[in-house]
Amino acid sequence: MNRLLVGLTLLLSSAIIYGSTLISAAVYSENQKGFGWSSSYGLFGTAIREVGTVPIIISILTAITGLVFIVWTLRK
C-alpha cells in the first residue's frame, strides 16, 4: 500500500511539473511574438527550448518511476 501511494504521488508530481512547464512556455511565447524565435521550431517550440527541456525530462522520469511503483505494487 505504501508503494502505491508513492507511485501515485510521483505521477501527480510529474503531471504538475509537466503542466507548469507548458504553462510557463505559453506565457513566455506571448513575449516572443515579433522576434527571437526559430522558424524551424515555431513559436511554441522555441519557447519550450528557452524555458528548458530539463523540467520535461524530470517529469518523464518521475512518471516512469511512479508507474514502476504502481505496477510493482499491483503485481504482488
PDB file of N, CA and C in Angstrom:
ATOM      1  N   MET A   1       0.817  -1.196   0.000  1.00  0.00           N
ATOM      2  CA  MET A   1       0.000   0.000   0.000  1.00  0.00           C
ATOM      3  C   MET A   1       0.863   1.264   0.000  1.00  0.00           C
ATOM      4  N   ASN A   2       1.980   1.195   0.718  1.00  0.00           N
ATOM      5  CA  ASN A   2       2.871   2.348   0.795  1.00  0.00           C
ATOM      6  C   ASN A   2       3.480   2.650  -0.577  1.00  0.00           C
ATOM      7  N   ARG A   3       3.856   1.581  -1.318  1.00  0.00           N
ATOM      8  CA  ARG A   3       4.433   1.785  -2.650  1.00  0.00           C
ATOM      9  C   ARG A   3       3.409   2.359  -3.615  1.00  0.00           C
ATOM     10  N   LEU A   4       2.156   1.989  -3.441  1.00  0.00           N
ATOM     11  CA  LEU A   4       1.103   2.533  -4.299  1.00  0.00           C
ATOM     12  C   LEU A   4       0.956   4.040  -4.083  1.00  0.00           C
ATOM     13  N   LEU A   5       0.997   4.462  -2.835  1.00  0.00           N
ATOM     14  CA  LEU A   5       0.898   5.889  -2.540  1.00  0.00           C
ATOM     15  C   LEU A   5       2.102   6.655  -3.080  1.00  0.00           C
ATOM     16  N   VAL A   6       3.273   6.051  -2.992  1.00  0.00           N
ATOM     17  CA  VAL A   6       4.477   6.690  -3.534  1.00  0.00           C
ATOM     18  C   VAL A   6       4.337   6.816  -5.048  1.00  0.00           C
ATOM     19  N   GLY A   7       3.874   5.762  -5.710  1.00  0.00           N
ATOM     20  CA  GLY A   7       3.694   5.797  -7.162  1.00  0.00           C
ATOM     21  C   GLY A   7       2.677   6.837  -7.595  1.00  0.00           C
ATOM     22  N   LEU A   8       1.569   6.909  -6.891  1.00  0.00           N
ATOM     23  CA  LEU A   8       0.556   7.910  -7.235  1.00  0.00           C
ATOM     24  C   LEU A   8       1.051   9.330  -6.981  1.00  0.00           C
ATOM     25  N   THR A   9       1.813   9.513  -5.906  1.00  0.00           N
ATOM     26  CA  THR A   9       2.388  10.825  -5.617  1.00  0.00           C
ATOM     27  C   THR A   9       3.387  11.237  -6.690  1.00  0.00           C
ATOM     28  N   LEU A  10       4.186  10.278  -7.151  1.00  0.00           N
ATOM     29  CA  LEU A  10       5.137  10.587  -8.221  1.00  0.00           C
ATOM     30  C   LEU A  10       4.423  10.931  -9.520  1.00  0.00           C
ATOM     31  N   LEU A  11       3.345  10.219  -9.823  1.00  0.00           N
ATOM     32  CA  LEU A  11       2.578  10.553 -11.034  1.00  0.00           C
ATOM     33  C   LEU A  11       1.949  11.938 -10.936  1.00  0.00           C
ATOM     34  N   LEU A  12       1.422  12.273  -9.774  1.00  0.00           N
ATOM     35  CA  LEU A  12       0.837  13.599  -9.589  1.00  0.00           C
ATOM     36  C   LEU A  12       1.904  14.686  -9.694  1.00  0.00           C
ATOM     37  N   SER A  13       3.052  14.442  -9.096  1.00  0.00           N
ATOM     38  CA  SER A  13       4.159  15.410  -9.193  1.00  0.00           C
ATOM     39  C   SER A  13       4.602  15.589 -10.639  1.00  0.00           C
ATOM     40  N   SER A  14       4.645  14.497 -11.376  1.00  0.00           N
ATOM     41  CA  SER A  14       5.028  14.555 -12.779  1.00  0.00           C
ATOM     42  C   SER A  14       4.051  15.399 -13.589  1.00  0.00           C
ATOM     43  N   ALA A  15       2.773  15.209 -13.340  1.00  0.00           N
ATOM     44  CA  ALA A  15       1.760  15.984 -14.060  1.00  0.00           C
ATOM     45  C   ALA A  15       1.852  17.470 -13.722  1.00  0.00           C
ATOM     46  N   ILE A  16       2.135  17.777 -12.474  1.00  0.00           N
ATOM     47  CA  ILE A  16       2.259  19.182 -12.066  1.00  0.00           C
ATOM     48  C   ILE A  16       3.486  19.828 -12.705  1.00  0.00           C
ATOM     49  N   ILE A  17       4.604  19.118 -12.714  1.00  0.00           N
ATOM     50  CA  ILE A  17       5.825  19.661 -13.327  1.00  0.00           C
ATOM     51  C   ILE A  17       5.624  19.871 -14.823  1.00  0.00           C
ATOM     52  N   TYR A  18       5.038  18.885 -15.494  1.00  0.00           N
ATOM     53  CA  TYR A  18       4.824  18.976 -16.938  1.00  0.00           C
ATOM     54  C   TYR A  18       3.850  20.107 -17.278  1.00  0.00           C
ATOM     55  N   GLY A  19       2.770  20.196 -16.527  1.00  0.00           N
ATOM     56  CA  GLY A  19       1.807  21.269 -16.760  1.00  0.00           C
ATOM     57  C   GLY A  19       2.386  22.642 -16.511  1.00  0.00           C
ATOM     58  N   SER A  20       3.189  22.760 -15.465  1.00  0.00           N
ATOM     59  CA  SER A  20       3.832  24.042 -15.168  1.00  0.00           C
ATOM     60  C   SER A  20       4.792  24.453 -16.275  1.00  0.00           C
ATOM     61  N   THR A  21       5.495  23.473 -16.836  1.00  0.00           N
ATOM     62  CA  THR A  21       6.412  23.776 -17.930  1.00  0.00           C
ATOM     63  C   THR A  21       5.656  24.269 -19.154  1.00  0.00           C
ATOM     64  N   LEU A  22       4.552  23.610 -19.474  1.00  0.00           N
ATOM     65  CA  LEU A  22       3.768  24.038 -20.633  1.00  0.00           C
ATOM     66  C   LEU A  22       3.140  25.414 -20.423  1.00  0.00           C
ATOM     67  N   ILE A  23       2.666  25.672 -19.223  1.00  0.00           N
ATOM     68  CA  ILE A  23       2.073  26.984 -18.940  1.00  0.00           C
ATOM     69  C   ILE A  23       3.127  28.084 -19.019  1.00  0.00           C
ATOM     70  N   SER A  24       4.305  27.824 -18.448  1.00  0.00           N
ATOM     71  CA  SER A  24       5.345  28.854 -18.496  1.00  0.00           C
ATOM     72  C   SER A  24       5.845  29.076 -19.921  1.00  0.00           C
ATOM     73  N   ALA A  25       5.877  28.030 -20.736  1.00  0.00           N
ATOM     74  CA  ALA A  25       6.266  28.210 -22.138  1.00  0.00           C
ATOM     75  C   ALA A  25       5.200  29.001 -22.895  1.00  0.00           C
ATOM     76  N   ALA A  26       3.948  28.780 -22.580  1.00  0.00           N
ATOM     77  CA  ALA A  26       2.887  29.536 -23.237  1.00  0.00           C
ATOM     78  C   ALA A  26       2.942  31.017 -22.867  1.00  0.00           C
ATOM     79  N   VAL A  27       3.215  31.290 -21.607  1.00  0.00           N
ATOM     80  CA  VAL A  27       3.335  32.685 -21.173  1.00  0.00           C
ATOM     81  C   VAL A  27       4.551  33.335 -21.819  1.00  0.00           C
ATOM     82  N   TYR A  28       5.655  32.587 -21.884  1.00  0.00           N
ATOM     83  CA  TYR A  28       6.879  33.126 -22.477  1.00  0.00           C
ATOM     84  C   TYR A  28       6.723  33.344 -23.983  1.00  0.00           C
ATOM     85  N   SER A  29       5.956  32.501 -24.653  1.00  0.00           N
ATOM     86  CA  SER A  29       5.781  32.657 -26.098  1.00  0.00           C
ATOM     87  C   SER A  29       4.987  33.916 -26.438  1.00  0.00           C
ATOM     88  N   GLU A  30       4.197  34.397 -25.507  1.00  0.00           N
ATOM     89  CA  GLU A  30       3.478  35.645 -25.727  1.00  0.00           C
ATOM     90  C   GLU A  30       4.449  36.816 -25.873  1.00  0.00           C
ATOM     91  N   ASN A  31       5.580  36.740 -25.197  1.00  0.00           N
ATOM     92  CA  ASN A  31       6.574  37.816 -25.263  1.00  0.00           C
ATOM     93  C   ASN A  31       7.435  37.734 -26.507  1.00  0.00           C
ATOM     94  N   GLN A  32       7.394  36.621 -27.236  1.00  0.00           N
ATOM     95  CA  GLN A  32       8.247  36.423 -28.403  1.00  0.00           C
ATOM     96  C   GLN A  32       7.505  36.593 -29.720  1.00  0.00           C
ATOM     97  N   LYS A  33       6.373  37.196 -29.715  1.00  0.00           N
ATOM     98  CA  LYS A  33       5.551  37.256 -30.930  1.00  0.00           C
ATOM     99  C   LYS A  33       6.282  37.849 -32.121  1.00  0.00           C
ATOM    100  N   GLY A  34       7.012  38.901 -31.919  1.00  0.00           N
ATOM    101  CA  GLY A  34       7.587  39.581 -33.056  1.00  0.00           C
ATOM    102  C   GLY A  34       8.997  39.178 -33.418  1.00  0.00           C
ATOM    103  N   PHE A  35       9.755  38.700 -32.468  1.00  0.00           N
ATOM    104  CA  PHE A  35      11.182  38.476 -32.751  1.00  0.00           C
ATOM    105  C   PHE A  35      11.723  37.369 -31.842  1.00  0.00           C
ATOM    106  N   GLY A  36      12.874  36.846 -32.235  1.00  0.00           N
ATOM    107  CA  GLY A  36      13.616  35.957 -31.361  1.00  0.00           C
ATOM    108  C   GLY A  36      13.220  34.501 -31.373  1.00  0.00           C
ATOM    109  N   TRP A  37      12.430  34.081 -32.355  1.00  0.00           N
ATOM    110  CA  TRP A  37      12.066  32.671 -32.368  1.00  0.00           C
ATOM    111  C   TRP A  37      12.503  32.019 -33.662  1.00  0.00           C
ATOM    112  N   SER A  38      12.813  30.746 -33.579  1.00  0.00           N
ATOM    113  CA  SER A  38      13.327  29.994 -34.713  1.00  0.00           C
ATOM    114  C   SER A  38      12.181  29.493 -35.575  1.00  0.00           C
ATOM    115  N   SER A  39      12.304  29.644 -36.876  1.00  0.00           N
ATOM    116  CA  SER A  39      11.223  29.211 -37.759  1.00  0.00           C
ATOM    117  C   SER A  39      11.146  27.694 -37.882  1.00  0.00           C
ATOM    118  N   SER A  40      12.227  26.986 -37.582  1.00  0.00           N
ATOM    119  CA  SER A  40      12.181  25.534 -37.683  1.00  0.00           C
ATOM    120  C   SER A  40      11.416  24.901 -36.524  1.00  0.00           C
ATOM    121  N   TYR A  41      11.404  25.531 -35.356  1.00  0.00           N
ATOM    122  CA  TYR A  41      10.676  25.003 -34.205  1.00  0.00           C
ATOM    123  C   TYR A  41       9.321  25.657 -34.014  1.00  0.00           C
ATOM    124  N   GLY A  42       9.123  26.804 -34.583  1.00  0.00           N
ATOM    125  CA  GLY A  42       7.889  27.533 -34.370  1.00  0.00           C
ATOM    126  C   GLY A  42       7.967  28.340 -33.084  1.00  0.00           C
ATOM    127  N   LEU A  43       6.938  29.089 -32.849  1.00  0.00           N
ATOM    128  CA  LEU A  43       6.926  29.982 -31.692  1.00  0.00           C
ATOM    129  C   LEU A  43       6.888  29.208 -30.382  1.00  0.00           C
ATOM    130  N   PHE A  44       5.978  28.236 -30.282  1.00  0.00           N
ATOM    131  CA  PHE A  44       5.855  27.488 -29.035  1.00  0.00           C
ATOM    132  C   PHE A  44       7.043  26.551 -28.817  1.00  0.00           C
ATOM    133  N   GLY A  45       7.554  25.945 -29.876  1.00  0.00           N
ATOM    134  CA  GLY A  45       8.722  25.074 -29.746  1.00  0.00           C
ATOM    135  C   GLY A  45       9.950  25.823 -29.273  1.00  0.00           C
ATOM    136  N   THR A  46      10.112  27.037 -29.769  1.00  0.00           N
ATOM    137  CA  THR A  46      11.223  27.864 -29.307  1.00  0.00           C
ATOM    138  C   THR A  46      11.043  28.234 -27.838  1.00  0.00           C
ATOM    139  N   ALA A  47       9.813  28.515 -27.442  1.00  0.00           N
ATOM    140  CA  ALA A  47       9.554  28.845 -26.037  1.00  0.00           C
ATOM    141  C   ALA A  47       9.835  27.643 -25.138  1.00  0.00           C
ATOM    142  N   ILE A  48       9.488  26.436 -25.589  1.00  0.00           N
ATOM    143  CA  ILE A  48       9.789  25.228 -24.809  1.00  0.00           C
ATOM    144  C   ILE A  48      11.301  25.066 -24.659  1.00  0.00           C
ATOM    145  N   ARG A  49      12.036  25.307 -25.738  1.00  0.00           N
ATOM    146  CA  ARG A  49      13.500  25.185 -25.660  1.00  0.00           C
ATOM    147  C   ARG A  49      14.097  26.243 -24.744  1.00  0.00           C
ATOM    148  N   GLU A  50      13.535  27.455 -24.749  1.00  0.00           N
ATOM    149  CA  GLU A  50      14.039  28.521 -23.892  1.00  0.00           C
ATOM    150  C   GLU A  50      13.699  28.274 -22.422  1.00  0.00           C
ATOM    151  N   VAL A  51      12.495  27.796 -22.161  1.00  0.00           N
ATOM    152  CA  VAL A  51      12.102  27.502 -20.781  1.00  0.00           C
ATOM    153  C   VAL A  51      12.949  26.362 -20.237  1.00  0.00           C
ATOM    154  N   GLY A  52      13.244  25.412 -21.089  1.00  0.00           N
ATOM    155  CA  GLY A  52      14.143  24.339 -20.692  1.00  0.00           C
ATOM    156  C   GLY A  52      13.521  22.975 -20.880  1.00  0.00           C
ATOM    157  N   THR A  53      14.318  22.087 -21.377  1.00  0.00           N
ATOM    158  CA  THR A  53      13.851  20.716 -21.537  1.00  0.00           C
ATOM    159  C   THR A  53      14.110  19.895 -20.276  1.00  0.00           C
ATOM    160  N   VAL A  54      14.874  20.440 -19.349  1.00  0.00           N
ATOM    161  CA  VAL A  54      15.174  19.721 -18.109  1.00  0.00           C
ATOM    162  C   VAL A  54      13.905  19.430 -17.304  1.00  0.00           C
ATOM    163  N   PRO A  55      12.984  20.378 -17.123  1.00  0.00           N
ATOM    164  CA  PRO A  55      11.759  20.035 -16.394  1.00  0.00           C
ATOM    165  C   PRO A  55      10.929  18.955 -17.098  1.00  0.00           C
ATOM    166  N   ILE A  56      10.942  18.943 -18.416  1.00  0.00           N
ATOM    167  CA  ILE A  56      10.191  17.914 -19.139  1.00  0.00           C
ATOM    168  C   ILE A  56      10.852  16.552 -18.933  1.00  0.00           C
ATOM    169  N   ILE A  57      12.169  16.513 -18.968  1.00  0.00           N
ATOM    170  CA  ILE A  57      12.883  15.251 -18.737  1.00  0.00           C
ATOM    171  C   ILE A  57      12.646  14.763 -17.309  1.00  0.00           C
ATOM    172  N   ILE A  58      12.691  15.664 -16.347  1.00  0.00           N
ATOM    173  CA  ILE A  58      12.421  15.295 -14.955  1.00  0.00           C
ATOM    174  C   ILE A  58      10.999  14.765 -14.815  1.00  0.00           C
ATOM    175  N   SER A  59      10.058  15.399 -15.497  1.00  0.00           N
ATOM    176  CA  SER A  59       8.670  14.964 -15.451  1.00  0.00           C
ATOM    177  C   SER A  59       8.497  13.565 -16.030  1.00  0.00           C
ATOM    178  N   ILE A  60       9.153  13.297 -17.143  1.00  0.00           N
ATOM    179  CA  ILE A  60       9.051  11.969 -17.767  1.00  0.00           C
ATOM    180  C   ILE A  60       9.669  10.901 -16.867  1.00  0.00           C
ATOM    181  N   LEU A  61      10.830  11.191 -16.309  1.00  0.00           N
ATOM    182  CA  LEU A  61      11.476  10.218 -15.418  1.00  0.00           C
ATOM    183  C   LEU A  61      10.651   9.973 -14.156  1.00  0.00           C
ATOM    184  N   THR A  62      10.046  11.021 -13.624  1.00  0.00           N
ATOM    185  CA  THR A  62       9.200  10.873 -12.449  1.00  0.00           C
ATOM    186  C   THR A  62       7.962  10.040 -12.766  1.00  0.00           C
ATOM    187  N   ALA A  63       7.379  10.253 -13.942  1.00  0.00           N
ATOM    188  CA  ALA A  63       6.205   9.470 -14.332  1.00  0.00           C
ATOM    189  C   ALA A  63       6.562   8.001 -14.519  1.00  0.00           C
ATOM    190  N   ILE A  64       7.690   7.728 -15.137  1.00  0.00           N
ATOM    191  CA  ILE A  64       8.111   6.338 -15.324  1.00  0.00           C
ATOM    192  C   ILE A  64       8.364   5.663 -13.978  1.00  0.00           C
ATOM    193  N   THR A  65       9.007   6.387 -13.072  1.00  0.00           N
ATOM    194  CA  THR A  65       9.256   5.837 -11.744  1.00  0.00           C
ATOM    195  C   THR A  65       7.948   5.576 -11.002  1.00  0.00           C
ATOM    196  N   GLY A  66       7.010   6.494 -11.120  1.00  0.00           N
ATOM    197  CA  GLY A  66       5.702   6.290 -10.489  1.00  0.00           C
ATOM    198  C   GLY A  66       4.971   5.099 -11.058  1.00  0.00           C
ATOM    199  N   LEU A  67       5.035   4.933 -12.369  1.00  0.00           N
ATOM    200  CA  LEU A  67       4.386   3.775 -12.985  1.00  0.00           C
ATOM    201  C   LEU A  67       5.045   2.466 -12.561  1.00  0.00           C
ATOM    202  N   VAL A  68       6.361   2.477 -12.411  1.00  0.00           N
ATOM    203  CA  VAL A  68       7.060   1.278 -11.943  1.00  0.00           C
ATOM    204  C   VAL A  68       6.603   0.912 -10.533  1.00  0.00           C
ATOM    205  N   PHE A  69       6.473   1.906  -9.663  1.00  0.00           N
ATOM    206  CA  PHE A  69       5.999   1.638  -8.311  1.00  0.00           C
ATOM    207  C   PHE A  69       4.571   1.093  -8.316  1.00  0.00           C
ATOM    208  N   ILE A  70       3.718   1.641  -9.154  1.00  0.00           N
ATOM    209  CA  ILE A  70       2.331   1.177  -9.203  1.00  0.00           C
ATOM    210  C   ILE A  70       2.253  -0.250  -9.734  1.00  0.00           C
ATOM    211  N   VAL A  71       2.968  -0.536 -10.805  1.00  0.00           N
ATOM    212  CA  VAL A  71       2.955  -1.888 -11.364  1.00  0.00           C
ATOM    213  C   VAL A  71       3.567  -2.874 -10.380  1.00  0.00           C
ATOM    214  N   TRP A  72       4.621  -2.475  -9.694  1.00  0.00           N
ATOM    215  CA  TRP A  72       5.272  -3.327  -8.709  1.00  0.00           C
ATOM    216  C   TRP A  72       4.301  -3.682  -7.580  1.00  0.00           C
ATOM    217  N   THR A  73       3.496  -2.709  -7.163  1.00  0.00           N
ATOM    218  CA  THR A  73       2.524  -2.951  -6.102  1.00  0.00           C
ATOM    219  C   THR A  73       1.398  -3.856  -6.581  1.00  0.00           C
ATOM    220  N   LEU A  74       0.906  -3.636  -7.781  1.00  0.00           N
ATOM    221  CA  LEU A  74      -0.238  -4.407  -8.269  1.00  0.00           C
ATOM    222  C   LEU A  74       0.127  -5.844  -8.644  1.00  0.00           C
ATOM    223  N   ARG A  75       1.382  -6.098  -8.926  1.00  0.00           N
ATOM    224  CA  ARG A  75       1.801  -7.463  -9.260  1.00  0.00           C
ATOM    225  C   ARG A  75       1.914  -8.357  -8.037  1.00  0.00           C
ATOM    226  N   LYS A  76       2.076  -7.766  -6.876  1.00  0.00           N
ATOM    227  CA  LYS A  76       2.221  -8.581  -5.662  1.00  0.00           C
ATOM    228  C   LYS A  76       0.891  -8.945  -5.065  1.00  0.00           C
TER     229      LYS A  76
END
